[in-house]
Amino acid sequence: LALDVQDVDSFPSFILEAEKQLGGLDCLVNNAGISLHENGFIDVSKKQFEAQFDTNLKGPFFLTQVFVEHCLKAEDKKMKKVIGIGETVWDVFPSGKRLGGAPVNFSFFAKEFGAEAYPVTAIGNDALGDETLEALKATGLNLGYIQRNDNPTSRVLVTMDDAGIPQYEIVEGVAWDAMTCDDRTLDLFRDADVVCWGTLAQRTPCSRKSIMNMVASAPASCLKV
């Protein structure tokens, strides 16, 4: 069963055919990617750029969207409780800053599909942490499992080099590097239907241990992404 990851319109039918052939779907691995091998920045064509963007970002994003929507709508799974674990960051550009982070994005789109969604992350006891909570209130997410500690709220510093290519500095020693896992948090996972987490938030032993404990508390029937 082949898929052209640039062909977004084919994703719904691909998911249905994959489920039919495999007898069910409970995991998605986005592993497609291409890299431009041009001689320099000015040599990149529009066609090359669009191909890389569609393969590396647009395709995986919308394939995940279709996959999660399919899982949430599957009658036999009845996925209602969705949890995203990991980093909440402010991307700081020369022109301003923008709130992001995988667990919040994942939880928000799950909520939009009708799930009971929870981001589990950590922000600082600082002004940027206060601003984060204010911004997240507009999402309608349950914010009861966003921890606060004395580490600063996370930032990614974005700069441009002379060729206009962005450079990223993911500041270390931030709040989600010190995520903890108490009994209340573990209880949240005991009846979870979907749990999603990534690698960045596991860069410290403290957060890695906490995340692994959270995931281990989810039931065997839980879809772990």
N, C-alpha and C. Protein backbone atom coordinates (compact mmCIF):
# COMPACT_ATOMS: atom_id res chain seq x y z
N LEU A 1 0.86 -1.19 0.00
CA LEU A 1 0.00 0.00 0.00
C LEU A 1 0.89 1.24 0.00
N ALA A 2 0.86 2.01 -1.07
CA ALA A 2 1.75 3.16 -1.22
C ALA A 2 0.98 4.46 -0.97
N LEU A 3 1.70 5.47 -0.48
CA LEU A 3 1.12 6.78 -0.24
C LEU A 3 2.07 7.86 -0.72
N ASP A 4 1.56 8.81 -1.49
CA ASP A 4 2.31 10.00 -1.84
C ASP A 4 2.00 11.04 -0.78
N VAL A 5 2.97 11.33 0.11
CA VAL A 5 2.72 12.20 1.26
C VAL A 5 2.45 13.64 0.84
N GLN A 6 2.74 13.97 -0.44
CA GLN A 6 2.41 15.31 -0.94
C GLN A 6 0.96 15.42 -1.41
N ASP A 7 0.31 14.28 -1.56
CA ASP A 7 -1.07 14.26 -2.07
C ASP A 7 -2.05 14.26 -0.89
N VAL A 8 -2.28 15.43 -0.33
CA VAL A 8 -3.09 15.55 0.89
C VAL A 8 -4.51 15.03 0.68
N ASP A 9 -5.06 15.25 -0.50
CA ASP A 9 -6.45 14.84 -0.75
C ASP A 9 -6.63 13.32 -0.71
N SER A 10 -5.54 12.57 -0.86
CA SER A 10 -5.65 11.11 -0.87
C SER A 10 -5.62 10.50 0.53
N PHE A 11 -5.35 11.31 1.56
CA PHE A 11 -5.15 10.77 2.91
C PHE A 11 -6.38 10.04 3.47
N PRO A 12 -7.59 10.60 3.36
CA PRO A 12 -8.75 9.89 3.92
C PRO A 12 -8.95 8.49 3.33
N SER A 13 -8.84 8.38 2.01
CA SER A 13 -9.03 7.07 1.39
C SER A 13 -7.87 6.13 1.74
N PHE A 14 -6.66 6.68 1.88
CA PHE A 14 -5.52 5.85 2.27
C PHE A 14 -5.72 5.28 3.67
N ILE A 15 -6.18 6.09 4.61
CA ILE A 15 -6.40 5.62 5.98
C ILE A 15 -7.45 4.51 6.00
N LEU A 16 -8.51 4.68 5.24
CA LEU A 16 -9.57 3.66 5.20
C LEU A 16 -9.04 2.35 4.61
N GLU A 17 -8.25 2.45 3.53
CA GLU A 17 -7.72 1.25 2.90
C GLU A 17 -6.68 0.57 3.80
N ALA A 18 -5.88 1.38 4.50
CA ALA A 18 -4.89 0.82 5.42
C ALA A 18 -5.58 0.07 6.56
N GLU A 19 -6.65 0.64 7.08
CA GLU A 19 -7.39 -0.03 8.15
C GLU A 19 -7.98 -1.35 7.64
N LYS A 20 -8.48 -1.32 6.41
CA LYS A 20 -9.07 -2.53 5.83
C LYS A 20 -8.03 -3.62 5.66
N GLN A 21 -6.86 -3.26 5.14
CA GLN A 21 -5.82 -4.26 4.89
C GLN A 21 -5.15 -4.76 6.16
N LEU A 22 -5.01 -3.88 7.14
CA LEU A 22 -4.29 -4.24 8.37
C LEU A 22 -5.19 -4.73 9.48
N GLY A 23 -6.51 -4.59 9.28
CA GLY A 23 -7.43 -5.05 10.32
C GLY A 23 -7.58 -4.08 11.46
N GLY A 24 -7.16 -2.83 11.27
CA GLY A 24 -7.27 -1.82 12.32
C GLY A 24 -6.03 -0.95 12.35
N LEU A 25 -6.18 0.24 12.89
CA LEU A 25 -5.06 1.18 13.01
C LEU A 25 -4.99 1.69 14.44
N ASP A 26 -3.80 1.63 15.03
CA ASP A 26 -3.65 2.19 16.37
C ASP A 26 -2.34 2.95 16.53
N CYS A 27 -1.60 3.15 15.44
CA CYS A 27 -0.32 3.85 15.53
C CYS A 27 0.02 4.49 14.18
N LEU A 28 0.58 5.69 14.22
CA LEU A 28 1.03 6.38 13.01
C LEU A 28 2.47 6.83 13.21
N VAL A 29 3.35 6.49 12.26
CA VAL A 29 4.74 6.95 12.30
C VAL A 29 4.98 7.80 11.05
N ASN A 30 5.24 9.09 11.25
CA ASN A 30 5.57 9.98 10.14
C ASN A 30 7.08 9.97 9.94
N ASN A 31 7.53 9.34 8.85
CA ASN A 31 8.96 9.16 8.65
C ASN A 31 9.43 9.57 7.26
N ALA A 32 8.54 10.21 6.50
CA ALA A 32 8.93 10.65 5.16
C ALA A 32 9.68 11.97 5.25
N GLY A 33 10.66 12.17 4.37
CA GLY A 33 11.38 13.43 4.37
C GLY A 33 12.33 13.52 3.20
N ILE A 34 12.49 14.73 2.68
CA ILE A 34 13.46 14.97 1.61
C ILE A 34 14.27 16.20 1.97
N SER A 35 15.43 16.33 1.36
CA SER A 35 16.30 17.48 1.61
C SER A 35 16.75 18.07 0.30
N LEU A 36 16.80 19.38 0.23
CA LEU A 36 17.27 20.05 -0.98
C LEU A 36 18.79 19.92 -1.08
N HIS A 37 19.28 19.59 -2.24
CA HIS A 37 20.72 19.44 -2.45
C HIS A 37 21.22 20.45 -3.48
N GLU A 38 20.72 21.67 -3.35
CA GLU A 38 21.14 22.72 -4.27
C GLU A 38 22.53 23.25 -3.86
N ASN A 39 23.11 24.03 -4.73
CA ASN A 39 24.44 24.57 -4.46
C ASN A 39 24.41 25.72 -3.46
N GLY A 40 23.31 26.42 -3.36
CA GLY A 40 23.23 27.53 -2.44
C GLY A 40 21.81 28.04 -2.30
N PHE A 41 21.62 28.96 -1.39
CA PHE A 41 20.30 29.48 -1.07
C PHE A 41 19.58 30.04 -2.30
N ILE A 42 20.30 30.78 -3.12
CA ILE A 42 19.65 31.45 -4.26
C ILE A 42 19.28 30.47 -5.37
N ASP A 43 19.76 29.22 -5.27
CA ASP A 43 19.48 28.24 -6.32
C ASP A 43 18.18 27.48 -6.09
N VAL A 44 17.57 27.66 -4.92
CA VAL A 44 16.35 26.92 -4.62
C VAL A 44 15.21 27.40 -5.50
N SER A 45 14.59 26.49 -6.21
CA SER A 45 13.45 26.85 -7.05
C SER A 45 12.17 26.75 -6.25
N LYS A 46 11.14 27.37 -6.76
CA LYS A 46 9.83 27.32 -6.11
C LYS A 46 9.34 25.87 -6.04
N LYS A 47 9.55 25.12 -7.12
CA LYS A 47 9.11 23.73 -7.17
C LYS A 47 9.83 22.90 -6.11
N GLN A 48 11.16 23.11 -5.96
CA GLN A 48 11.92 22.37 -4.95
C GLN A 48 11.44 22.71 -3.55
N PHE A 49 11.26 23.99 -3.30
CA PHE A 49 10.83 24.42 -1.97
C PHE A 49 9.47 23.84 -1.63
N GLU A 50 8.53 23.92 -2.56
CA GLU A 50 7.19 23.41 -2.31
C GLU A 50 7.21 21.90 -2.07
N ALA A 51 8.07 21.18 -2.81
CA ALA A 51 8.16 19.72 -2.64
C ALA A 51 8.68 19.38 -1.25
N GLN A 52 9.70 20.10 -0.80
CA GLN A 52 10.24 19.81 0.53
C GLN A 52 9.23 20.18 1.62
N PHE A 53 8.60 21.34 1.49
CA PHE A 53 7.61 21.76 2.47
C PHE A 53 6.44 20.78 2.53
N ASP A 54 5.95 20.37 1.35
CA ASP A 54 4.80 19.45 1.31
C ASP A 54 5.16 18.08 1.89
N THR A 55 6.39 17.62 1.66
CA THR A 55 6.80 16.30 2.15
C THR A 55 7.15 16.31 3.63
N ASN A 56 7.86 17.32 4.08
CA ASN A 56 8.41 17.33 5.43
C ASN A 56 7.47 17.94 6.47
N LEU A 57 6.57 18.82 6.05
CA LEU A 57 5.73 19.50 7.03
C LEU A 57 4.24 19.38 6.73
N LYS A 58 3.84 19.83 5.57
CA LYS A 58 2.41 19.85 5.24
C LYS A 58 1.83 18.43 5.24
N GLY A 59 2.50 17.51 4.56
CA GLY A 59 2.00 16.13 4.49
C GLY A 59 1.87 15.47 5.84
N PRO A 60 2.95 15.42 6.66
CA PRO A 60 2.84 14.80 7.99
C PRO A 60 1.78 15.46 8.88
N PHE A 61 1.66 16.79 8.78
CA PHE A 61 0.67 17.47 9.60
C PHE A 61 -0.75 17.00 9.26
N PHE A 62 -1.11 17.05 7.97
CA PHE A 62 -2.48 16.71 7.59
C PHE A 62 -2.74 15.20 7.63
N LEU A 63 -1.70 14.39 7.45
CA LEU A 63 -1.88 12.95 7.62
C LEU A 63 -2.19 12.63 9.08
N THR A 64 -1.47 13.27 10.01
CA THR A 64 -1.75 13.09 11.42
C THR A 64 -3.15 13.57 11.76
N GLN A 65 -3.55 14.68 11.19
CA GLN A 65 -4.89 15.21 11.41
C GLN A 65 -5.96 14.20 10.98
N VAL A 66 -5.79 13.66 9.76
CA VAL A 66 -6.76 12.68 9.26
C VAL A 66 -6.75 11.41 10.11
N PHE A 67 -5.55 10.97 10.51
CA PHE A 67 -5.43 9.77 11.34
C PHE A 67 -6.12 9.95 12.68
N VAL A 68 -5.87 11.07 13.35
CA VAL A 68 -6.48 11.31 14.67
C VAL A 68 -7.99 11.43 14.54
N GLU A 69 -8.45 12.14 13.51
CA GLU A 69 -9.89 12.26 13.30
C GLU A 69 -10.52 10.89 13.07
N HIS A 70 -9.85 10.04 12.30
CA HIS A 70 -10.36 8.69 12.05
C HIS A 70 -10.45 7.90 13.36
N CYS A 71 -9.41 7.99 14.17
CA CYS A 71 -9.40 7.25 15.43
C CYS A 71 -10.49 7.74 16.38
N LEU A 72 -10.66 9.06 16.43
CA LEU A 72 -11.66 9.63 17.33
C LEU A 72 -13.08 9.25 16.91
N LYS A 73 -13.29 9.06 15.62
CA LYS A 73 -14.63 8.74 15.12
C LYS A 73 -14.91 7.24 15.08
N ALA A 74 -13.86 6.43 15.26
CA ALA A 74 -14.06 4.98 15.18
C ALA A 74 -14.97 4.52 16.32
N GLU A 75 -16.06 3.88 15.97
CA GLU A 75 -17.04 3.48 16.99
C GLU A 75 -16.47 2.46 17.97
N ASP A 76 -15.60 1.60 17.49
CA ASP A 76 -15.12 0.56 18.37
C ASP A 76 -14.08 1.07 19.36
N LYS A 77 -13.43 2.18 19.05
CA LYS A 77 -12.43 2.72 19.96
C LYS A 77 -13.02 3.73 20.92
N LYS A 78 -13.96 4.57 20.44
CA LYS A 78 -14.63 5.56 21.27
C LYS A 78 -13.61 6.38 22.06
N MET A 79 -12.66 6.96 21.37
CA MET A 79 -11.62 7.75 22.04
C MET A 79 -12.20 9.09 22.48
N LYS A 80 -12.25 9.30 23.76
CA LYS A 80 -12.81 10.53 24.31
C LYS A 80 -11.78 11.36 25.05
N LYS A 81 -10.84 10.71 25.70
CA LYS A 81 -9.88 11.42 26.54
C LYS A 81 -8.51 11.39 25.90
N VAL A 82 -8.04 12.57 25.50
CA VAL A 82 -6.79 12.70 24.76
C VAL A 82 -5.84 13.60 25.56
N ILE A 83 -4.58 13.15 25.69
CA ILE A 83 -3.60 13.89 26.49
C ILE A 83 -2.34 14.14 25.65
N GLY A 84 -1.86 15.37 25.65
CA GLY A 84 -0.60 15.71 25.00
C GLY A 84 0.42 16.11 26.06
N ILE A 85 1.57 15.48 26.04
CA ILE A 85 2.62 15.74 27.04
C ILE A 85 3.81 16.40 26.37
N GLY A 86 4.40 17.40 27.04
CA GLY A 86 5.66 17.93 26.52
C GLY A 86 5.84 19.41 26.70
N GLU A 87 6.48 20.00 25.69
CA GLU A 87 6.95 21.38 25.81
C GLU A 87 5.88 22.40 25.39
N THR A 88 5.85 23.51 26.10
CA THR A 88 5.12 24.70 25.67
C THR A 88 6.16 25.80 25.52
N VAL A 89 6.24 26.39 24.34
CA VAL A 89 7.32 27.34 24.07
C VAL A 89 6.78 28.61 23.41
N TRP A 90 7.52 29.67 23.59
CA TRP A 90 7.30 30.90 22.83
C TRP A 90 8.39 30.98 21.76
N ASP A 91 8.00 30.99 20.50
CA ASP A 91 8.95 31.21 19.41
C ASP A 91 9.16 32.71 19.29
N VAL A 92 10.37 33.15 19.59
CA VAL A 92 10.68 34.58 19.61
C VAL A 92 11.40 34.97 18.32
N PHE A 93 10.67 35.65 17.45
CA PHE A 93 11.21 36.11 16.18
C PHE A 93 11.69 37.56 16.31
N PRO A 94 12.49 38.03 15.39
CA PRO A 94 12.89 39.44 15.43
C PRO A 94 11.69 40.39 15.43
N SER A 95 10.59 39.94 14.83
CA SER A 95 9.40 40.79 14.72
C SER A 95 8.41 40.60 15.86
N GLY A 96 8.65 39.64 16.74
CA GLY A 96 7.72 39.39 17.84
C GLY A 96 7.73 37.93 18.24
N LYS A 97 6.82 37.54 19.11
CA LYS A 97 6.81 36.16 19.61
C LYS A 97 5.46 35.51 19.35
N ARG A 98 5.49 34.16 19.31
CA ARG A 98 4.28 33.38 19.04
C ARG A 98 4.30 32.13 19.91
N LEU A 99 3.16 31.84 20.52
CA LEU A 99 3.06 30.67 21.41
C LEU A 99 2.91 29.40 20.60
N GLY A 100 3.62 28.35 20.99
CA GLY A 100 3.53 27.06 20.31
C GLY A 100 3.90 25.93 21.24
N GLY A 101 4.19 24.79 20.63
CA GLY A 101 4.52 23.60 21.41
C GLY A 101 3.61 22.45 21.03
N ALA A 102 4.20 21.28 20.80
CA ALA A 102 3.46 20.13 20.29
C ALA A 102 2.28 19.71 21.16
N PRO A 103 2.41 19.58 22.49
CA PRO A 103 1.28 19.06 23.27
C PRO A 103 0.05 19.96 23.23
N VAL A 104 0.28 21.28 23.26
CA VAL A 104 -0.86 22.20 23.20
C VAL A 104 -1.52 22.13 21.82
N ASN A 105 -0.70 22.13 20.76
CA ASN A 105 -1.26 22.04 19.41
C ASN A 105 -2.05 20.75 19.22
N PHE A 106 -1.46 19.64 19.64
CA PHE A 106 -2.12 18.34 19.51
C PHE A 106 -3.43 18.33 20.29
N SER A 107 -3.38 18.78 21.54
CA SER A 107 -4.58 18.77 22.39
C SER A 107 -5.67 19.67 21.81
N PHE A 108 -5.26 20.82 21.27
CA PHE A 108 -6.25 21.74 20.71
C PHE A 108 -6.99 21.11 19.54
N PHE A 109 -6.27 20.49 18.61
CA PHE A 109 -6.93 19.90 17.44
C PHE A 109 -7.77 18.69 17.85
N ALA A 110 -7.32 17.94 18.87
CA ALA A 110 -8.14 16.84 19.37
C ALA A 110 -9.45 17.38 19.94
N LYS A 111 -9.36 18.48 20.66
CA LYS A 111 -10.58 19.10 21.21
C LYS A 111 -11.52 19.55 20.09
N GLU A 112 -10.93 20.09 19.03
CA GLU A 112 -11.74 20.53 17.91
C GLU A 112 -12.49 19.37 17.25
N PHE A 113 -11.96 18.16 17.37
CA PHE A 113 -12.62 16.97 16.84
C PHE A 113 -13.59 16.35 17.85
N GLY A 114 -13.76 17.01 18.99
CA GLY A 114 -14.75 16.57 19.97
C GLY A 114 -14.22 15.81 21.15
N ALA A 115 -12.90 15.70 21.28
CA ALA A 115 -12.32 14.94 22.39
C ALA A 115 -12.24 15.79 23.65
N GLU A 116 -12.15 15.11 24.77
CA GLU A 116 -11.84 15.74 26.05
C GLU A 116 -10.31 15.79 26.13
N ALA A 117 -9.74 16.96 25.94
CA ALA A 117 -8.30 17.06 25.70
C ALA A 117 -7.58 17.81 26.82
N TYR A 118 -6.39 17.29 27.15
CA TYR A 118 -5.59 17.87 28.24
C TYR A 118 -4.13 18.04 27.79
N PRO A 119 -3.59 19.25 27.83
CA PRO A 119 -2.14 19.40 27.69
C PRO A 119 -1.47 19.23 29.06
N VAL A 120 -0.40 18.45 29.10
CA VAL A 120 0.38 18.29 30.33
C VAL A 120 1.77 18.85 30.04
N THR A 121 2.10 19.96 30.68
CA THR A 121 3.34 20.66 30.40
C THR A 121 3.71 21.47 31.63
N ALA A 122 4.72 22.32 31.51
CA ALA A 122 5.13 23.17 32.62
C ALA A 122 5.57 24.53 32.11
N ILE A 123 5.19 25.57 32.83
CA ILE A 123 5.61 26.94 32.53
C ILE A 123 6.17 27.56 33.81
N GLY A 124 6.84 28.67 33.68
CA GLY A 124 7.48 29.28 34.82
C GLY A 124 6.58 30.15 35.66
N ASN A 125 7.02 30.41 36.89
CA ASN A 125 6.35 31.38 37.75
C ASN A 125 6.87 32.78 37.40
N ASP A 126 6.63 33.19 36.18
CA ASP A 126 7.14 34.46 35.70
C ASP A 126 6.08 35.15 34.84
N ALA A 127 6.40 36.35 34.39
CA ALA A 127 5.43 37.11 33.60
C ALA A 127 5.08 36.40 32.30
N LEU A 128 6.07 35.74 31.70
CA LEU A 128 5.80 35.02 30.45
C LEU A 128 4.90 33.81 30.71
N GLY A 129 5.02 33.21 31.87
CA GLY A 129 4.12 32.12 32.25
C GLY A 129 2.69 32.62 32.41
N ASP A 130 2.54 33.79 33.03
CA ASP A 130 1.20 34.39 33.16
C ASP A 130 0.61 34.68 31.79
N GLU A 131 1.45 35.19 30.89
CA GLU A 131 0.99 35.49 29.53
C GLU A 131 0.59 34.21 28.80
N THR A 132 1.32 33.12 29.07
CA THR A 132 1.00 31.83 28.45
C THR A 132 -0.40 31.37 28.86
N LEU A 133 -0.69 31.42 30.14
CA LEU A 133 -2.01 30.99 30.61
C LEU A 133 -3.12 31.85 30.03
N GLU A 134 -2.89 33.14 29.96
CA GLU A 134 -3.90 34.02 29.39
C GLU A 134 -4.16 33.68 27.94
N ALA A 135 -3.09 33.38 27.19
CA ALA A 135 -3.26 33.03 25.78
C ALA A 135 -3.99 31.70 25.62
N LEU A 136 -3.70 30.75 26.51
CA LEU A 136 -4.30 29.41 26.39
C LEU A 136 -5.77 29.38 26.81
N LYS A 137 -6.19 30.34 27.58
CA LYS A 137 -7.60 30.37 28.00
C LYS A 137 -8.53 30.46 26.79
N ALA A 138 -8.05 31.11 25.75
CA ALA A 138 -8.88 31.27 24.55
C ALA A 138 -9.06 29.97 23.77
N THR A 139 -8.25 28.95 24.06
CA THR A 139 -8.34 27.69 23.32
C THR A 139 -9.48 26.81 23.80
N GLY A 140 -9.97 27.05 25.01
CA GLY A 140 -11.01 26.19 25.57
C GLY A 140 -10.49 24.87 26.12
N LEU A 141 -9.17 24.70 26.19
CA LEU A 141 -8.58 23.48 26.73
C LEU A 141 -8.68 23.45 28.25
N ASN A 142 -8.64 22.23 28.80
CA ASN A 142 -8.54 22.07 30.25
C ASN A 142 -7.09 22.35 30.64
N LEU A 143 -6.86 23.38 31.40
CA LEU A 143 -5.51 23.81 31.75
C LEU A 143 -5.10 23.39 33.16
N GLY A 144 -5.84 22.46 33.73
CA GLY A 144 -5.61 22.07 35.11
C GLY A 144 -4.37 21.25 35.35
N TYR A 145 -3.70 20.82 34.27
CA TYR A 145 -2.50 19.98 34.43
C TYR A 145 -1.26 20.67 33.85
N ILE A 146 -1.33 21.98 33.78
CA ILE A 146 -0.16 22.76 33.41
C ILE A 146 0.57 23.15 34.69
N GLN A 147 1.74 22.60 34.87
CA GLN A 147 2.51 22.84 36.08
C GLN A 147 3.23 24.20 36.01
N ARG A 148 3.55 24.74 37.19
CA ARG A 148 4.36 25.94 37.26
C ARG A 148 5.50 25.71 38.24
N ASN A 149 6.68 26.15 37.89
CA ASN A 149 7.83 26.03 38.77
C ASN A 149 8.73 27.25 38.62
N ASP A 150 9.86 27.24 39.31
CA ASP A 150 10.72 28.42 39.35
C ASP A 150 11.65 28.55 38.16
N ASN A 151 11.66 27.57 37.27
CA ASN A 151 12.43 27.71 36.03
C ASN A 151 11.70 28.67 35.10
N PRO A 152 12.40 29.35 34.20
CA PRO A 152 11.73 30.29 33.30
C PRO A 152 10.84 29.58 32.27
N THR A 153 9.84 30.29 31.82
CA THR A 153 8.99 29.79 30.74
C THR A 153 9.82 29.65 29.46
N SER A 154 9.55 28.61 28.72
CA SER A 154 10.39 28.24 27.57
C SER A 154 10.31 29.24 26.42
N ARG A 155 11.48 29.47 25.81
CA ARG A 155 11.58 30.31 24.62
C ARG A 155 12.46 29.62 23.58
N VAL A 156 12.13 29.82 22.32
CA VAL A 156 12.99 29.44 21.21
C VAL A 156 13.38 30.74 20.51
N LEU A 157 14.67 31.06 20.51
CA LEU A 157 15.15 32.30 19.92
C LEU A 157 15.45 32.09 18.44
N VAL A 158 14.77 32.83 17.60
CA VAL A 158 14.89 32.67 16.15
C VAL A 158 15.62 33.89 15.57
N THR A 159 16.72 33.62 14.90
CA THR A 159 17.47 34.68 14.23
C THR A 159 17.67 34.29 12.76
N MET A 160 18.03 35.27 11.95
CA MET A 160 18.27 35.04 10.53
C MET A 160 19.74 35.30 10.20
N ASP A 161 20.36 34.38 9.44
CA ASP A 161 21.74 34.63 9.03
C ASP A 161 21.76 35.52 7.79
N ASP A 162 22.94 35.79 7.27
CA ASP A 162 23.07 36.71 6.15
C ASP A 162 22.35 36.25 4.90
N ALA A 163 22.12 34.93 4.79
CA ALA A 163 21.42 34.39 3.62
C ALA A 163 19.91 34.31 3.84
N GLY A 164 19.46 34.78 5.00
CA GLY A 164 18.03 34.75 5.29
C GLY A 164 17.52 33.42 5.80
N ILE A 165 18.43 32.52 6.19
CA ILE A 165 18.05 31.21 6.71
C ILE A 165 17.90 31.28 8.22
N PRO A 166 16.78 30.83 8.76
CA PRO A 166 16.58 30.95 10.22
C PRO A 166 17.47 30.01 11.02
N GLN A 167 17.90 30.49 12.16
CA GLN A 167 18.66 29.71 13.13
C GLN A 167 17.86 29.67 14.43
N TYR A 168 17.84 28.50 15.09
CA TYR A 168 17.00 28.33 16.27
C TYR A 168 17.86 27.98 17.49
N GLU A 169 17.61 28.67 18.59
CA GLU A 169 18.23 28.33 19.86
C GLU A 169 17.12 27.96 20.84
N ILE A 170 17.01 26.67 21.16
CA ILE A 170 16.01 26.20 22.12
C ILE A 170 16.62 26.35 23.51
N VAL A 171 16.22 27.37 24.22
CA VAL A 171 16.81 27.70 25.52
C VAL A 171 16.64 26.53 26.49
N GLU A 172 17.69 26.18 27.18
CA GLU A 172 17.67 25.07 28.13
C GLU A 172 17.40 25.56 29.54
N GLY A 173 17.16 24.59 30.43
CA GLY A 173 16.90 24.91 31.83
C GLY A 173 15.59 25.62 32.06
N VAL A 174 14.57 25.27 31.24
CA VAL A 174 13.27 25.93 31.33
C VAL A 174 12.28 25.08 32.13
N ALA A 175 11.08 25.60 32.29
CA ALA A 175 10.11 24.98 33.20
C ALA A 175 9.81 23.52 32.85
N TRP A 176 9.60 23.23 31.55
CA TRP A 176 9.24 21.85 31.21
C TRP A 176 10.43 20.89 31.29
N ASP A 177 11.64 21.41 31.48
CA ASP A 177 12.78 20.54 31.77
C ASP A 177 12.69 19.96 33.18
N ALA A 178 11.80 20.53 33.99
CA ALA A 178 11.65 20.08 35.38
C ALA A 178 10.24 19.60 35.66
N MET A 179 9.58 19.03 34.64
CA MET A 179 8.24 18.49 34.85
C MET A 179 8.26 17.38 35.90
N THR A 180 7.24 17.36 36.74
CA THR A 180 7.11 16.32 37.76
C THR A 180 5.86 15.50 37.48
N CYS A 181 5.68 14.47 38.27
CA CYS A 181 4.53 13.57 38.07
C CYS A 181 4.00 13.15 39.42
N ASP A 182 2.95 13.82 39.88
CA ASP A 182 2.36 13.48 41.17
C ASP A 182 1.18 12.53 40.98
N ASP A 183 0.58 12.11 42.07
CA ASP A 183 -0.52 11.14 42.01
C ASP A 183 -1.71 11.68 41.22
N ARG A 184 -1.98 12.96 41.36
CA ARG A 184 -3.11 13.56 40.63
C ARG A 184 -2.89 13.46 39.13
N THR A 185 -1.66 13.72 38.69
CA THR A 185 -1.35 13.63 37.26
C THR A 185 -1.45 12.19 36.78
N LEU A 186 -0.93 11.25 37.56
CA LEU A 186 -1.01 9.84 37.17
C LEU A 186 -2.47 9.40 37.05
N ASP A 187 -3.33 9.89 37.91
CA ASP A 187 -4.75 9.52 37.85
C ASP A 187 -5.38 9.99 36.54
N LEU A 188 -4.90 11.11 36.00
CA LEU A 188 -5.43 11.61 34.73
C LEU A 188 -5.25 10.59 33.62
N PHE A 189 -4.15 9.84 33.68
CA PHE A 189 -3.79 8.92 32.59
C PHE A 189 -4.45 7.56 32.71
N ARG A 190 -5.01 7.22 33.83
CA ARG A 190 -5.47 5.84 34.07
C ARG A 190 -6.63 5.43 33.17
N ASP A 191 -7.37 6.39 32.64
CA ASP A 191 -8.46 6.04 31.72
C ASP A 191 -8.32 6.79 30.39
N ALA A 192 -7.07 7.13 30.04
CA ALA A 192 -6.82 7.86 28.79
C ALA A 192 -7.07 6.97 27.58
N ASP A 193 -7.60 7.56 26.52
CA ASP A 193 -7.80 6.85 25.26
C ASP A 193 -6.64 7.08 24.30
N VAL A 194 -6.04 8.27 24.34
CA VAL A 194 -4.91 8.62 23.48
C VAL A 194 -3.90 9.43 24.28
N VAL A 195 -2.63 9.07 24.15
CA VAL A 195 -1.55 9.85 24.76
C VAL A 195 -0.51 10.13 23.68
N CYS A 196 -0.12 11.39 23.54
CA CYS A 196 0.89 11.78 22.55
C CYS A 196 2.02 12.49 23.27
N TRP A 197 3.26 12.09 22.96
CA TRP A 197 4.42 12.77 23.54
C TRP A 197 5.58 12.69 22.55
N GLY A 198 6.59 13.52 22.77
CA GLY A 198 7.72 13.56 21.85
C GLY A 198 9.05 13.43 22.56
N THR A 199 10.12 13.74 21.85
CA THR A 199 11.46 13.54 22.39
C THR A 199 12.05 14.78 23.04
N LEU A 200 11.70 15.98 22.55
CA LEU A 200 12.33 17.19 23.05
C LEU A 200 12.14 17.36 24.55
N ALA A 201 10.95 17.13 25.04
CA ALA A 201 10.67 17.32 26.46
C ALA A 201 11.34 16.28 27.35
N GLN A 202 11.97 15.28 26.73
CA GLN A 202 12.68 14.25 27.50
C GLN A 202 14.18 14.53 27.59
N ARG A 203 14.62 15.74 27.29
CA ARG A 203 16.05 16.01 27.23
C ARG A 203 16.71 16.06 28.61
N THR A 204 15.92 16.15 29.69
CA THR A 204 16.49 16.08 31.03
C THR A 204 16.02 14.80 31.71
N PRO A 205 16.81 14.22 32.60
CA PRO A 205 16.39 13.00 33.31
C PRO A 205 15.10 13.20 34.09
N CYS A 206 14.93 14.37 34.67
CA CYS A 206 13.73 14.63 35.47
C CYS A 206 12.46 14.54 34.64
N SER A 207 12.42 15.27 33.53
CA SER A 207 11.23 15.25 32.68
C SER A 207 11.04 13.90 32.01
N ARG A 208 12.14 13.27 31.60
CA ARG A 208 12.04 11.97 30.96
C ARG A 208 11.39 10.95 31.89
N LYS A 209 11.83 10.91 33.12
CA LYS A 209 11.26 9.98 34.10
C LYS A 209 9.79 10.28 34.33
N SER A 210 9.45 11.55 34.44
CA SER A 210 8.05 11.92 34.67
C SER A 210 7.17 11.51 33.50
N ILE A 211 7.64 11.76 32.28
CA ILE A 211 6.85 11.41 31.10
C ILE A 211 6.67 9.90 30.98
N MET A 212 7.73 9.15 31.21
CA MET A 212 7.63 7.70 31.14
C MET A 212 6.66 7.15 32.18
N ASN A 213 6.64 7.75 33.37
CA ASN A 213 5.70 7.33 34.41
C ASN A 213 4.27 7.64 34.00
N MET A 214 4.07 8.79 33.37
CA MET A 214 2.73 9.14 32.90
C MET A 214 2.25 8.14 31.86
N VAL A 215 3.10 7.88 30.87
CA VAL A 215 2.72 6.96 29.79
C VAL A 215 2.45 5.56 30.34
N ALA A 216 3.27 5.12 31.30
CA ALA A 216 3.09 3.79 31.88
C ALA A 216 1.79 3.67 32.66
N SER A 217 1.25 4.80 33.09
CA SER A 217 -0.01 4.76 33.86
C SER A 217 -1.24 4.63 32.97
N ALA A 218 -1.07 4.85 31.67
CA ALA A 218 -2.20 4.71 30.75
C ALA A 218 -2.56 3.24 30.58
N PRO A 219 -3.82 2.92 30.33
CA PRO A 219 -4.22 1.51 30.16
C PRO A 219 -3.68 0.89 28.89
N ALA A 220 -3.68 -0.42 28.84
CA ALA A 220 -3.17 -1.13 27.67
C ALA A 220 -3.94 -0.79 26.40
N SER A 221 -5.21 -0.43 26.54
CA SER A 221 -6.05 -0.11 25.39
C SER A 221 -5.76 1.27 24.83
N CYS A 222 -4.97 2.08 25.52
CA CYS A 222 -4.71 3.47 25.11
C CYS A 222 -3.84 3.49 23.86
N LEU A 223 -4.18 4.38 22.93
CA LEU A 223 -3.36 4.61 21.75
C LEU A 223 -2.23 5.53 22.15
N LYS A 224 -0.99 5.09 22.00
CA LYS A 224 0.18 5.88 22.39
C LYS A 224 0.93 6.29 21.13
N VAL A 225 1.01 7.61 20.94
CA VAL A 225 1.60 8.16 19.72
C VAL A 225 2.88 8.91 20.06
